[in-house]
PDB file of N, CA and C in Angstrom:
ATOM      1  N   MET A   1      10.692   6.275   9.906  1.00  0.00           N
ATOM      2  CA  MET A   1      11.145   7.428   9.145  1.00  0.00           C
ATOM      3  C   MET A   1      10.128   8.552   9.310  1.00  0.00           C
ATOM      4  N   ASP A   2      10.576   9.735   9.664  1.00  0.00           N
ATOM      5  CA  ASP A   2       9.705  10.868   9.918  1.00  0.00           C
ATOM      6  C   ASP A   2       9.369  11.651   8.658  1.00  0.00           C
ATOM      7  N   LYS A   3      10.033  11.365   7.559  1.00  0.00           N
ATOM      8  CA  LYS A   3       9.825  12.115   6.330  1.00  0.00           C
ATOM      9  C   LYS A   3       8.546  11.673   5.636  1.00  0.00           C
ATOM     10  N   GLN A   4       7.870  12.630   5.011  1.00  0.00           N
ATOM     11  CA  GLN A   4       6.672  12.338   4.243  1.00  0.00           C
ATOM     12  C   GLN A   4       6.964  12.262   2.747  1.00  0.00           C
ATOM     13  N   MET A   5       8.102  12.830   2.340  1.00  0.00           N
ATOM     14  CA  MET A   5       8.515  12.839   0.938  1.00  0.00           C
ATOM     15  C   MET A   5       9.882  12.162   0.842  1.00  0.00           C
ATOM     16  N   ILE A   6      10.173  11.589  -0.320  1.00  0.00           N
ATOM     17  CA  ILE A   6      11.423  10.869  -0.507  1.00  0.00           C
ATOM     18  C   ILE A   6      11.945  11.154  -1.910  1.00  0.00           C
ATOM     19  N   ASN A   7      13.263  11.137  -2.060  1.00  0.00           N
ATOM     20  CA  ASN A   7      13.856  11.352  -3.373  1.00  0.00           C
ATOM     21  C   ASN A   7      14.841  10.231  -3.701  1.00  0.00           C
ATOM     22  N   PHE A   8      15.454  10.336  -4.840  1.00  0.00           N
ATOM     23  CA  PHE A   8      16.398   9.339  -5.334  1.00  0.00           C
ATOM     24  C   PHE A   8      17.535   9.101  -4.350  1.00  0.00           C
ATOM     25  N   GLU A   9      18.096  10.168  -3.801  1.00  0.00           N
ATOM     26  CA  GLU A   9      19.241  10.042  -2.899  1.00  0.00           C
ATOM     27  C   GLU A   9      18.870   9.292  -1.625  1.00  0.00           C
ATOM     28  N   ASP A  10      17.651   9.488  -1.139  1.00  0.00           N
ATOM     29  CA  ASP A  10      17.192   8.770   0.046  1.00  0.00           C
ATOM     30  C   ASP A  10      17.126   7.266  -0.218  1.00  0.00           C
ATOM     31  N   LEU A  11      16.659   6.898  -1.399  1.00  0.00           N
ATOM     32  CA  LEU A  11      16.580   5.476  -1.748  1.00  0.00           C
ATOM     33  C   LEU A  11      17.967   4.861  -1.853  1.00  0.00           C
ATOM     34  N   VAL A  12      18.926   5.594  -2.396  1.00  0.00           N
ATOM     35  CA  VAL A  12      20.296   5.092  -2.493  1.00  0.00           C
ATOM     36  C   VAL A  12      20.869   4.900  -1.090  1.00  0.00           C
ATOM     37  N   LYS A  13      20.591   5.836  -0.179  1.00  0.00           N
ATOM     38  CA  LYS A  13      21.049   5.704   1.206  1.00  0.00           C
ATOM     39  C   LYS A  13      20.420   4.501   1.895  1.00  0.00           C
ATOM     40  N   MET A  14      19.212   4.125   1.473  1.00  0.00           N
ATOM     41  CA  MET A  14      18.534   2.958   2.030  1.00  0.00           C
ATOM     42  C   MET A  14      19.133   1.658   1.501  1.00  0.00           C
ATOM     43  N   GLY A  15      19.981   1.751   0.470  1.00  0.00           N
ATOM     44  CA  GLY A  15      20.657   0.563  -0.045  1.00  0.00           C
ATOM     45  C   GLY A  15      20.232   0.124  -1.432  1.00  0.00           C
ATOM     46  N   PHE A  16      19.363   0.873  -2.085  1.00  0.00           N
ATOM     47  CA  PHE A  16      18.951   0.510  -3.432  1.00  0.00           C
ATOM     48  C   PHE A  16      20.047   0.896  -4.429  1.00  0.00           C
ATOM     49  N   PRO A  17      20.273   0.064  -5.449  1.00  0.00           N
ATOM     50  CA  PRO A  17      21.216   0.450  -6.508  1.00  0.00           C
ATOM     51  C   PRO A  17      20.730   1.705  -7.229  1.00  0.00           C
ATOM     52  N   THR A  18      21.646   2.429  -7.825  1.00  0.00           N
ATOM     53  CA  THR A  18      21.340   3.711  -8.466  1.00  0.00           C
ATOM     54  C   THR A  18      20.218   3.605  -9.483  1.00  0.00           C
ATOM     55  N   ASN A  19      20.327   2.679 -10.402  1.00  0.00           N
ATOM     56  CA  ASN A  19      19.298   2.570 -11.453  1.00  0.00           C
ATOM     57  C   ASN A  19      17.946   2.160 -10.888  1.00  0.00           C
ATOM     58  N   GLN A  20      17.943   1.282  -9.910  1.00  0.00           N
ATOM     59  CA  GLN A  20      16.687   0.862  -9.316  1.00  0.00           C
ATOM     60  C   GLN A  20      16.029   2.023  -8.570  1.00  0.00           C
ATOM     61  N   ALA A  21      16.822   2.830  -7.877  1.00  0.00           N
ATOM     62  CA  ALA A  21      16.283   4.001  -7.178  1.00  0.00           C
ATOM     63  C   ALA A  21      15.656   4.968  -8.169  1.00  0.00           C
ATOM     64  N   ARG A  22      16.318   5.194  -9.287  1.00  0.00           N
ATOM     65  CA  ARG A  22      15.761   6.083 -10.311  1.00  0.00           C
ATOM     66  C   ARG A  22      14.455   5.519 -10.877  1.00  0.00           C
ATOM     67  N   ASN A  23      14.417   4.219 -11.093  1.00  0.00           N
ATOM     68  CA  ASN A  23      13.208   3.600 -11.634  1.00  0.00           C
ATOM     69  C   ASN A  23      12.047   3.664 -10.648  1.00  0.00           C
ATOM     70  N   ILE A  24      12.327   3.534  -9.365  1.00  0.00           N
ATOM     71  CA  ILE A  24      11.273   3.627  -8.352  1.00  0.00           C
ATOM     72  C   ILE A  24      10.669   5.024  -8.352  1.00  0.00           C
ATOM     73  N   ILE A  25      11.515   6.054  -8.400  1.00  0.00           N
ATOM     74  CA  ILE A  25      11.020   7.435  -8.440  1.00  0.00           C
ATOM     75  C   ILE A  25      10.209   7.665  -9.712  1.00  0.00           C
ATOM     76  N   ARG A  26      10.707   7.160 -10.832  1.00  0.00           N
ATOM     77  CA  ARG A  26      10.001   7.314 -12.113  1.00  0.00           C
ATOM     78  C   ARG A  26       8.632   6.636 -12.063  1.00  0.00           C
ATOM     79  N   GLU A  27       8.580   5.433 -11.496  1.00  0.00           N
ATOM     80  CA  GLU A  27       7.315   4.712 -11.396  1.00  0.00           C
ATOM     81  C   GLU A  27       6.347   5.432 -10.453  1.00  0.00           C
ATOM     82  N   ALA A  28       6.856   5.971  -9.360  1.00  0.00           N
ATOM     83  CA  ALA A  28       6.020   6.713  -8.416  1.00  0.00           C
ATOM     84  C   ALA A  28       5.421   7.942  -9.089  1.00  0.00           C
ATOM     85  N   LYS A  29       6.225   8.631  -9.879  1.00  0.00           N
ATOM     86  CA  LYS A  29       5.727   9.798 -10.598  1.00  0.00           C
ATOM     87  C   LYS A  29       4.627   9.397 -11.576  1.00  0.00           C
ATOM     88  N   GLY A  30       4.803   8.273 -12.252  1.00  0.00           N
ATOM     89  CA  GLY A  30       3.782   7.790 -13.180  1.00  0.00           C
ATOM     90  C   GLY A  30       2.475   7.465 -12.475  1.00  0.00           C
ATOM     91  N   ILE A  31       2.568   6.860 -11.308  1.00  0.00           N
ATOM     92  CA  ILE A  31       1.371   6.547 -10.526  1.00  0.00           C
ATOM     93  C   ILE A  31       0.654   7.831 -10.117  1.00  0.00           C
ATOM     94  N   LEU A  32       1.425   8.813  -9.658  1.00  0.00           N
ATOM     95  CA  LEU A  32       0.829  10.076  -9.231  1.00  0.00           C
ATOM     96  C   LEU A  32       0.167  10.812 -10.388  1.00  0.00           C
ATOM     97  N   VAL A  33       0.781  10.779 -11.561  1.00  0.00           N
ATOM     98  CA  VAL A  33       0.183  11.419 -12.737  1.00  0.00           C
ATOM     99  C   VAL A  33      -1.123  10.709 -13.102  1.00  0.00           C
ATOM    100  N   SER A  34      -1.127   9.379 -13.027  1.00  0.00           N
ATOM    101  CA  SER A  34      -2.348   8.635 -13.359  1.00  0.00           C
ATOM    102  C   SER A  34      -3.463   8.896 -12.353  1.00  0.00           C
ATOM    103  N   ARG A  35      -3.099   9.309 -11.136  1.00  0.00           N
ATOM    104  CA  ARG A  35      -4.093   9.646 -10.109  1.00  0.00           C
ATOM    105  C   ARG A  35      -4.549  11.097 -10.212  1.00  0.00           C
ATOM    106  N   GLY A  36      -4.027  11.829 -11.179  1.00  0.00           N
ATOM    107  CA  GLY A  36      -4.499  13.181 -11.421  1.00  0.00           C
ATOM    108  C   GLY A  36      -3.593  14.289 -10.921  1.00  0.00           C
ATOM    109  N   TYR A  37      -2.412  13.954 -10.458  1.00  0.00           N
ATOM    110  CA  TYR A  37      -1.468  14.964  -9.990  1.00  0.00           C
ATOM    111  C   TYR A  37      -0.506  15.313 -11.123  1.00  0.00           C
ATOM    112  N   GLY A  38      -0.942  16.194 -12.005  1.00  0.00           N
ATOM    113  CA  GLY A  38      -0.174  16.557 -13.191  1.00  0.00           C
ATOM    114  C   GLY A  38       1.162  17.209 -12.888  1.00  0.00           C
ATOM    115  N   PHE A  39       1.310  17.768 -11.705  1.00  0.00           N
ATOM    116  CA  PHE A  39       2.570  18.395 -11.306  1.00  0.00           C
ATOM    117  C   PHE A  39       3.743  17.419 -11.435  1.00  0.00           C
ATOM    118  N   TYR A  40       3.504  16.147 -11.141  1.00  0.00           N
ATOM    119  CA  TYR A  40       4.569  15.150 -11.165  1.00  0.00           C
ATOM    120  C   TYR A  40       4.952  14.719 -12.572  1.00  0.00           C
ATOM    121  N   ASN A  41       4.314  15.287 -13.583  1.00  0.00           N
ATOM    122  CA  ASN A  41       4.669  14.983 -14.959  1.00  0.00           C
ATOM    123  C   ASN A  41       5.930  15.727 -15.400  1.00  0.00           C
ATOM    124  N   GLY A  42       6.392  16.662 -14.596  1.00  0.00           N
ATOM    125  CA  GLY A  42       7.584  17.438 -14.918  1.00  0.00           C
ATOM    126  C   GLY A  42       8.857  16.616 -14.815  1.00  0.00           C
ATOM    127  N   LYS A  43       9.779  16.880 -15.711  1.00  0.00           N
ATOM    128  CA  LYS A  43      11.023  16.117 -15.769  1.00  0.00           C
ATOM    129  C   LYS A  43      11.922  16.353 -14.558  1.00  0.00           C
ATOM    130  N   ARG A  44      11.895  17.555 -14.004  1.00  0.00           N
ATOM    131  CA  ARG A  44      12.816  17.897 -12.930  1.00  0.00           C
ATOM    132  C   ARG A  44      12.257  17.641 -11.534  1.00  0.00           C
ATOM    133  N   VAL A  45      11.047  17.136 -11.455  1.00  0.00           N
ATOM    134  CA  VAL A  45      10.451  16.826 -10.156  1.00  0.00           C
ATOM    135  C   VAL A  45      11.003  15.480  -9.695  1.00  0.00           C
ATOM    136  N   GLY A  46      11.660  15.480  -8.547  1.00  0.00           N
ATOM    137  CA  GLY A  46      12.272  14.244  -8.065  1.00  0.00           C
ATOM    138  C   GLY A  46      11.874  13.877  -6.651  1.00  0.00           C
ATOM    139  N   LEU A  47      10.975  14.632  -6.057  1.00  0.00           N
ATOM    140  CA  LEU A  47      10.524  14.402  -4.698  1.00  0.00           C
ATOM    141  C   LEU A  47       9.096  13.872  -4.751  1.00  0.00           C
ATOM    142  N   VAL A  48       8.893  12.664  -4.223  1.00  0.00           N
ATOM    143  CA  VAL A  48       7.579  12.029  -4.288  1.00  0.00           C
ATOM    144  C   VAL A  48       7.149  11.606  -2.881  1.00  0.00           C
ATOM    145  N   PRO A  49       5.844  11.430  -2.655  1.00  0.00           N
ATOM    146  CA  PRO A  49       5.381  10.996  -1.334  1.00  0.00           C
ATOM    147  C   PRO A  49       5.898   9.607  -0.968  1.00  0.00           C
ATOM    148  N   LEU A  50       6.275   9.461   0.278  1.00  0.00           N
ATOM    149  CA  LEU A  50       6.795   8.197   0.773  1.00  0.00           C
ATOM    150  C   LEU A  50       5.753   7.089   0.671  1.00  0.00           C
ATOM    151  N   SER A  51       4.484   7.431   0.823  1.00  0.00           N
ATOM    152  CA  SER A  51       3.433   6.417   0.770  1.00  0.00           C
ATOM    153  C   SER A  51       3.365   5.735  -0.595  1.00  0.00           C
ATOM    154  N   VAL A  52       3.622   6.479  -1.668  1.00  0.00           N
ATOM    155  CA  VAL A  52       3.587   5.890  -3.011  1.00  0.00           C
ATOM    156  C   VAL A  52       4.795   4.973  -3.207  1.00  0.00           C
ATOM    157  N   VAL A  53       5.959   5.391  -2.725  1.00  0.00           N
ATOM    158  CA  VAL A  53       7.149   4.550  -2.815  1.00  0.00           C
ATOM    159  C   VAL A  53       6.945   3.282  -1.997  1.00  0.00           C
ATOM    160  N   ALA A  54       6.293   3.402  -0.843  1.00  0.00           N
ATOM    161  CA  ALA A  54       6.013   2.230  -0.009  1.00  0.00           C
ATOM    162  C   ALA A  54       5.125   1.231  -0.746  1.00  0.00           C
ATOM    163  N   GLU A  55       4.169   1.730  -1.525  1.00  0.00           N
ATOM    164  CA  GLU A  55       3.322   0.845  -2.338  1.00  0.00           C
ATOM    165  C   GLU A  55       4.156   0.074  -3.352  1.00  0.00           C
ATOM    166  N   ILE A  56       5.113   0.747  -3.961  1.00  0.00           N
ATOM    167  CA  ILE A  56       5.909   0.138  -5.027  1.00  0.00           C
ATOM    168  C   ILE A  56       6.850  -0.922  -4.478  1.00  0.00           C
ATOM    169  N   ILE A  57       7.547  -0.605  -3.398  1.00  0.00           N
ATOM    170  CA  ILE A  57       8.560  -1.541  -2.890  1.00  0.00           C
ATOM    171  C   ILE A  57       8.000  -2.512  -1.861  1.00  0.00           C
ATOM    172  N   GLY A  58       6.726  -2.365  -1.503  1.00  0.00           N
ATOM    173  CA  GLY A  58       6.082  -3.344  -0.641  1.00  0.00           C
ATOM    174  C   GLY A  58       6.288  -3.120   0.842  1.00  0.00           C
ATOM    175  N   LEU A  59       6.550  -1.887   1.260  1.00  0.00           N
ATOM    176  CA  LEU A  59       6.648  -1.594   2.685  1.00  0.00           C
ATOM    177  C   LEU A  59       5.256  -1.452   3.266  1.00  0.00           C
ATOM    178  N   PRO A  60       5.099  -1.738   4.556  1.00  0.00           N
ATOM    179  CA  PRO A  60       3.779  -1.540   5.165  1.00  0.00           C
ATOM    180  C   PRO A  60       3.385  -0.072   5.144  1.00  0.00           C
ATOM    181  N   SER A  61       2.116   0.189   5.166  1.00  0.00           N
ATOM    182  CA  SER A  61       1.610   1.554   5.126  1.00  0.00           C
ATOM    183  C   SER A  61       2.081   2.337   6.338  1.00  0.00           C
ATOM    184  N   ILE A  62       2.330   3.608   6.148  1.00  0.00           N
ATOM    185  CA  ILE A  62       2.814   4.485   7.209  1.00  0.00           C
ATOM    186  C   ILE A  62       1.726   4.647   8.272  1.00  0.00           C
ATOM    187  N   ASP A  63       0.462   4.682   7.862  1.00  0.00           N
ATOM    188  CA  ASP A  63      -0.645   4.909   8.788  1.00  0.00           C
ATOM    189  C   ASP A  63      -0.955   3.700   9.665  1.00  0.00           C
ATOM    190  N   GLU A  64      -0.464   2.516   9.331  1.00  0.00           N
ATOM    191  CA  GLU A  64      -0.756   1.323  10.106  1.00  0.00           C
ATOM    192  C   GLU A  64      -0.196   1.415  11.520  1.00  0.00           C
ATOM    193  N   GLY A  65       0.928   2.097  11.698  1.00  0.00           N
ATOM    194  CA  GLY A  65       1.544   2.218  13.008  1.00  0.00           C
ATOM    195  C   GLY A  65       0.880   3.251  13.888  1.00  0.00           C
ATOM    196  N   ALA A  66      -0.060   4.009  13.384  1.00  0.00           N
ATOM    197  CA  ALA A  66      -0.690   5.075  14.142  1.00  0.00           C
ATOM    198  C   ALA A  66      -1.870   4.597  14.984  1.00  0.00           C
ATOM    199  N   ASP A  67      -2.240   3.319  14.924  1.00  0.00           N
ATOM    200  CA  ASP A  67      -3.397   2.806  15.646  1.00  0.00           C
ATOM    201  C   ASP A  67      -3.233   2.936  17.097  1.00  0.00           C
TER     202      ASP A  67
END
C-alpha cells in the first residue's frame, strides 16, 4: 500500500466490519494523543497514520520492506 494515512473507509474496503474499523481509528487516535499529538484529540479527525494502525492490527512495519 502506497498510502501513509488511512481512514475508516479504507479499513472497511480491507474487509473489516464497520464497528471494528471505527474502533481501530478511535484507538489509533488515542495512541497518537498519548504520544503528544493533540491534533488527533478532535472529534472530526478521521485520518490517521498507517503505521499506528499497523501496530494495532498486527501488520508488519512499513519500513521493514525498505531494507
